[in-house]
Structures are given as structure tokens and as C-alpha cells.
Amino acid sequence: MTRGPLPKKAISAAQDIGSKRGMVLDAVGMQESHHDFTIFGTSCTVFVRVKRIRTHVTDPQEIAEMFGEDILQIRRVPKTPVVSREIWTLSPWNCWQYFLVLDDKIVEIRRDGTPVLPVVPAAGERPAPISPVPVVAGNENAPIPAKTGNDSAPLPGTAVTGSTPPGDTPAPTNPASAIPGNVSATSPGTGLPSPSPTMTPG
């Protein structure tokens, strides 16, 4: 497909958008230019080709079918980590779409250059590890409650030993020791309760 008439108004509008990413250099009129303008950003140089389109693109690969010659031309710009090759399209209802031209595919991006969809890791690249979630023994399907400030609180399903539930008073080990006035509750050396004194009628 041939390039067709130069979309001067669309290029002018695109340069206004591009100025938010960095300094813009107009390439219209340059001999054998593969792009319409260049954006010099803080960390990347962007070469942009502007195209008018009659429909909304749902699959970025449609751009390769619509503008095959333009894609071939802009791919002549050497691709480096600090160089971006992009095609911007403008629909009749004044809707912009932005596409990053890679060597093997085309990816839709936002106007700031970030991908619209998450980037899929390349073959052989390991994704970021996911932290394991602790499982409580005996209750594997129960959710782990969030911390509420009492870090010493037991987890659901765990046995509590050596502690008294809140609000309960531990029972005395020797019932006789709870009797008021009974100072010697056990017999010395035996650990057994002392016999109660015999009451003699007066």
C-alpha cells in the first residue's frame, strides 16, 4: 500500500501530543525520512509515523496489513534500548491509537509509551516468584487472618498450652487452701490436706 497524501493536520496534532513526552523535531520534508517527527525524551528517542484510519483497531497486527509499507520504512530505523519506533493513527471521530513497532510484532501502547496490556515474559525468562502463603496444620482450607496488633494470638486450629483463656480464673490445686482462715492447708512433708479440727460442743 502506498503512503498516500501527507496528513499535515494530523501530524501537527500528533506533535502537540508528543511534546508532552519531550522535545519534538519535525521530520517532514527531510529527504528519505522514514518517520514524520522525532521525540527526544529524557530516556528514549521516539520516531513517529502518523496515519489516518477509518476504523478502530482491535488487533495491533491489523496495522501491519493496513500500513505494510510504512512499517517496513520505519523498521529501517535501528532498534536499540533507547530507541522507540511508533505509528500513531487518527480516526474520523478524533480518536488516537498508538502502536509500538518491534522487529517481530506490533504492540498497542498508550500516548506516554507504556503498553496497554501486560508484557508477556519472553521464552526462557522466569516470572517473578510468588511468596508462599502459610498453611495452618489441620485446617489447610481456612484463610489466614490478618494481624490486628496482638501478634501473640494463636492461629485458628492450633492448640493452646500453658495459658488460661481470657476471663477464666484458674482453679486452686488444693480445695482446702481456698477456705478462709485455713493457714496450714496441708500437712508438713506429706502434701496431703490436714484433718479438720474437731469441734467440741460448748
Protein backbone atom coordinates (compact mmCIF):
# COMPACT_ATOMS: atom_id res chain seq x y z
CA MET A 1 0.00 0.00 0.00
CA THR A 2 1.33 3.45 -0.88
CA ARG A 3 1.63 6.13 1.73
CA GLY A 4 -0.92 8.48 0.20
CA PRO A 5 -1.38 12.20 0.90
CA LEU A 6 0.56 13.60 3.84
CA PRO A 7 -1.83 14.11 6.82
CA LYS A 8 -0.48 17.55 7.78
CA LYS A 9 -3.23 18.41 10.27
CA ALA A 10 -2.92 15.03 11.94
CA ILE A 11 0.86 15.40 12.14
CA SER A 12 0.51 18.83 13.73
CA ALA A 13 -1.93 17.46 16.32
CA ALA A 14 0.37 14.49 16.98
CA GLN A 15 3.32 16.81 17.59
CA ASP A 16 1.32 18.62 20.27
CA ILE A 17 0.72 15.27 21.97
CA GLY A 18 4.36 14.27 21.55
CA SER A 19 5.61 17.49 23.13
CA LYS A 20 4.39 16.14 26.50
CA ARG A 21 6.99 13.35 26.21
CA GLY A 22 9.91 15.54 25.21
CA MET A 23 11.30 17.91 22.60
CA VAL A 24 9.79 17.43 19.13
CA LEU A 25 11.76 17.68 15.87
CA ASP A 26 9.71 17.88 12.67
CA ALA A 27 10.99 15.47 10.02
CA VAL A 28 8.52 16.44 7.28
CA GLY A 29 10.45 17.44 4.18
CA MET A 30 13.60 15.55 5.13
CA GLN A 31 14.89 13.52 2.23
CA GLU A 32 14.38 9.75 2.60
CA SER A 33 12.83 10.19 6.03
CA HIS A 34 11.25 7.06 7.49
CA HIS A 35 9.14 8.99 10.01
CA ASP A 36 7.16 12.23 10.37
CA PHE A 37 8.76 13.61 13.55
CA THR A 38 11.08 12.67 16.38
CA ILE A 39 10.57 12.99 20.14
CA PHE A 40 13.70 13.44 22.26
CA GLY A 41 12.69 12.27 25.73
CA THR A 42 14.75 12.03 28.90
CA SER A 43 15.45 8.30 28.47
CA CYS A 44 14.30 7.45 24.94
CA THR A 45 14.20 8.80 21.39
CA VAL A 46 10.91 8.13 19.59
CA PHE A 47 10.46 8.04 15.81
CA VAL A 48 6.80 8.54 14.93
CA ARG A 49 4.83 7.90 11.75
CA VAL A 50 1.32 9.41 11.67
CA LYS A 51 -1.52 7.76 9.73
CA ARG A 52 -5.22 8.44 9.29
CA ILE A 53 -7.52 5.45 9.69
CA ARG A 54 -11.22 4.81 9.02
CA THR A 55 -11.88 2.33 11.80
CA HIS A 56 -10.85 1.44 15.34
CA VAL A 57 -8.09 -1.16 15.50
CA THR A 58 -8.86 -4.07 17.85
CA ASP A 59 -5.86 -6.22 16.92
CA PRO A 60 -2.50 -4.45 16.64
CA GLN A 61 -1.46 -6.84 13.88
CA GLU A 62 -4.08 -5.20 11.64
CA ILE A 63 -1.68 -2.25 11.41
CA ALA A 64 0.81 -4.45 9.56
CA GLU A 65 -1.86 -5.29 6.99
CA MET A 66 -3.08 -1.70 6.57
CA PHE A 67 0.28 0.07 6.51
CA GLY A 68 2.76 -2.59 5.44
CA GLU A 69 4.99 -0.17 3.51
CA ASP A 70 5.10 2.34 6.36
CA ILE A 71 6.03 -0.45 8.77
CA LEU A 72 8.89 -1.54 6.53
CA GLN A 73 10.16 2.02 6.27
CA ILE A 74 10.09 2.79 9.98
CA ARG A 75 11.77 -0.54 10.76
CA ARG A 76 14.79 0.78 8.90
CA VAL A 77 15.42 2.94 11.95
CA PRO A 78 17.90 0.91 14.07
CA LYS A 79 16.22 -0.52 17.17
CA THR A 80 18.17 -0.05 20.40
CA PRO A 81 17.17 0.01 24.10
CA VAL A 82 16.86 3.82 23.89
CA VAL A 83 15.01 3.99 20.54
CA SER A 84 11.28 3.51 20.02
CA ARG A 85 9.54 3.21 16.64
CA GLU A 86 5.86 4.08 16.77
CA ILE A 87 2.86 4.52 14.47
CA TRP A 88 0.07 6.83 15.62
CA THR A 89 -3.35 6.59 13.96
CA LEU A 90 -6.21 9.11 13.97
CA SER A 91 -9.80 8.05 13.28
CA PRO A 92 -12.56 10.27 11.78
CA TRP A 93 -14.06 10.76 15.27
CA ASN A 94 -10.75 12.20 16.53
CA CYS A 95 -9.67 9.09 18.42
CA TRP A 96 -5.94 8.39 18.63
CA GLN A 97 -4.31 4.98 18.87
CA TYR A 98 -0.59 4.35 19.40
CA PHE A 99 1.44 1.31 18.31
CA LEU A 100 4.99 0.26 19.04
CA VAL A 101 6.73 -1.32 16.04
CA LEU A 102 9.05 -4.13 17.11
CA ASP A 103 11.11 -6.34 14.83
CA ASP A 104 8.69 -9.27 15.03
CA LYS A 105 5.36 -7.80 16.14
CA ILE A 106 3.32 -4.67 16.85
CA VAL A 107 2.14 -3.75 20.36
CA GLU A 108 -0.53 -1.21 21.25
CA ILE A 109 0.66 1.41 23.73
CA ARG A 110 -0.66 4.49 25.49
CA ARG A 111 0.29 8.01 24.49
CA ASP A 112 3.05 8.01 27.10
CA GLY A 113 4.63 4.91 25.55
CA THR A 114 3.61 2.34 28.17
CA PRO A 115 1.97 -0.91 26.94
CA VAL A 116 -1.82 -1.19 27.09
CA LEU A 117 -1.61 -4.88 28.05
CA PRO A 118 0.92 -6.51 30.42
CA VAL A 119 4.11 -7.60 28.71
CA VAL A 120 4.37 -11.40 28.40
CA PRO A 121 7.78 -12.72 29.55
CA ALA A 122 9.99 -13.95 26.74
CA ALA A 123 10.65 -17.66 26.24
CA GLY A 124 13.02 -18.97 28.89
CA GLU A 125 12.50 -15.96 31.19
CA ARG A 126 11.28 -16.86 34.65
CA PRO A 127 8.44 -14.76 36.08
CA ALA A 128 8.81 -13.06 39.43
CA PRO A 129 8.45 -15.55 42.35
CA ILE A 130 5.27 -15.51 44.40
CA SER A 131 5.61 -15.53 48.19
CA PRO A 132 4.08 -18.74 49.67
CA VAL A 133 1.07 -18.42 51.97
CA PRO A 134 1.50 -20.20 55.33
CA VAL A 135 -0.93 -23.07 55.99
CA VAL A 136 -2.18 -23.97 59.47
CA ALA A 137 -1.84 -27.69 60.19
CA GLY A 138 -5.18 -29.43 60.39
CA ASN A 139 -7.05 -26.55 58.79
CA GLU A 140 -5.50 -26.15 55.33
CA ASN A 141 -8.58 -24.59 53.75
CA ALA A 142 -9.12 -21.88 56.35
CA PRO A 143 -7.99 -18.35 55.43
CA ILE A 144 -5.15 -16.82 57.39
CA PRO A 145 -6.49 -13.86 59.45
CA ALA A 146 -4.75 -10.52 59.18
CA LYS A 147 -2.71 -9.22 62.11
CA THR A 148 -4.64 -6.91 64.43
CA GLY A 149 -1.86 -5.77 66.75
CA ASN A 150 -1.94 -8.87 69.01
CA ASP A 151 0.90 -10.79 67.38
CA SER A 152 0.88 -13.39 70.16
CA ALA A 153 -2.71 -14.50 69.43
CA PRO A 154 -2.86 -18.19 68.33
CA LEU A 155 -3.85 -19.09 64.78
CA PRO A 156 -7.11 -20.96 64.12
CA GLY A 157 -6.78 -24.72 64.55
CA THR A 158 -3.75 -24.60 66.87
CA ALA A 159 -3.81 -25.93 70.43
CA VAL A 160 -3.06 -23.55 73.26
CA THR A 161 -0.97 -24.98 76.13
CA GLY A 162 0.23 -23.40 79.33
CA SER A 163 -2.18 -20.48 79.19
CA THR A 164 -5.54 -19.56 80.63
CA PRO A 165 -8.34 -18.27 78.39
CA PRO A 166 -9.21 -14.62 78.97
CA GLY A 167 -11.87 -14.10 81.66
CA ASP A 168 -11.31 -17.53 83.38
CA THR A 169 -9.77 -17.90 86.86
CA PRO A 170 -7.56 -20.96 87.37
CA ALA A 171 -8.93 -23.42 89.89
CA PRO A 172 -6.84 -23.89 93.06
CA THR A 173 -4.74 -27.03 93.20
CA ASN A 174 -5.85 -27.71 96.76
CA PRO A 175 -9.52 -27.01 97.52
CA ALA A 176 -8.80 -26.67 101.20
CA SER A 177 -6.48 -23.78 100.58
CA ALA A 178 -9.43 -21.72 99.42
CA ILE A 179 -11.09 -21.85 102.87
CA PRO A 180 -10.64 -18.51 104.67
CA GLY A 181 -8.59 -18.76 107.81
CA ASN A 182 -7.10 -22.12 106.94
CA VAL A 183 -3.44 -21.16 107.16
CA SER A 184 -1.98 -24.66 107.10
CA ALA A 185 -3.84 -26.32 104.27
CA THR A 186 -1.51 -29.34 104.02
CA SER A 187 0.37 -31.49 106.44
CA PRO A 188 4.10 -30.74 106.50
CA GLY A 189 6.14 -33.24 104.50
CA THR A 190 3.14 -35.13 103.11
CA GLY A 191 1.47 -32.71 100.73
CA LEU A 192 -1.91 -34.10 101.94
CA PRO A 193 -4.67 -31.94 103.38
CA SER A 194 -4.53 -31.58 107.17
CA PRO A 195 -7.51 -33.03 109.05
CA SER A 196 -10.09 -30.52 110.12
CA PRO A 197 -10.10 -29.75 113.85
CA THR A 198 -12.86 -31.48 115.87
CA MET A 199 -15.41 -29.08 117.16
CA THR A 200 -16.29 -29.80 120.85
CA PRO A 201 -19.72 -28.66 121.93
CA GLY A 202 -19.50 -25.92 124.48
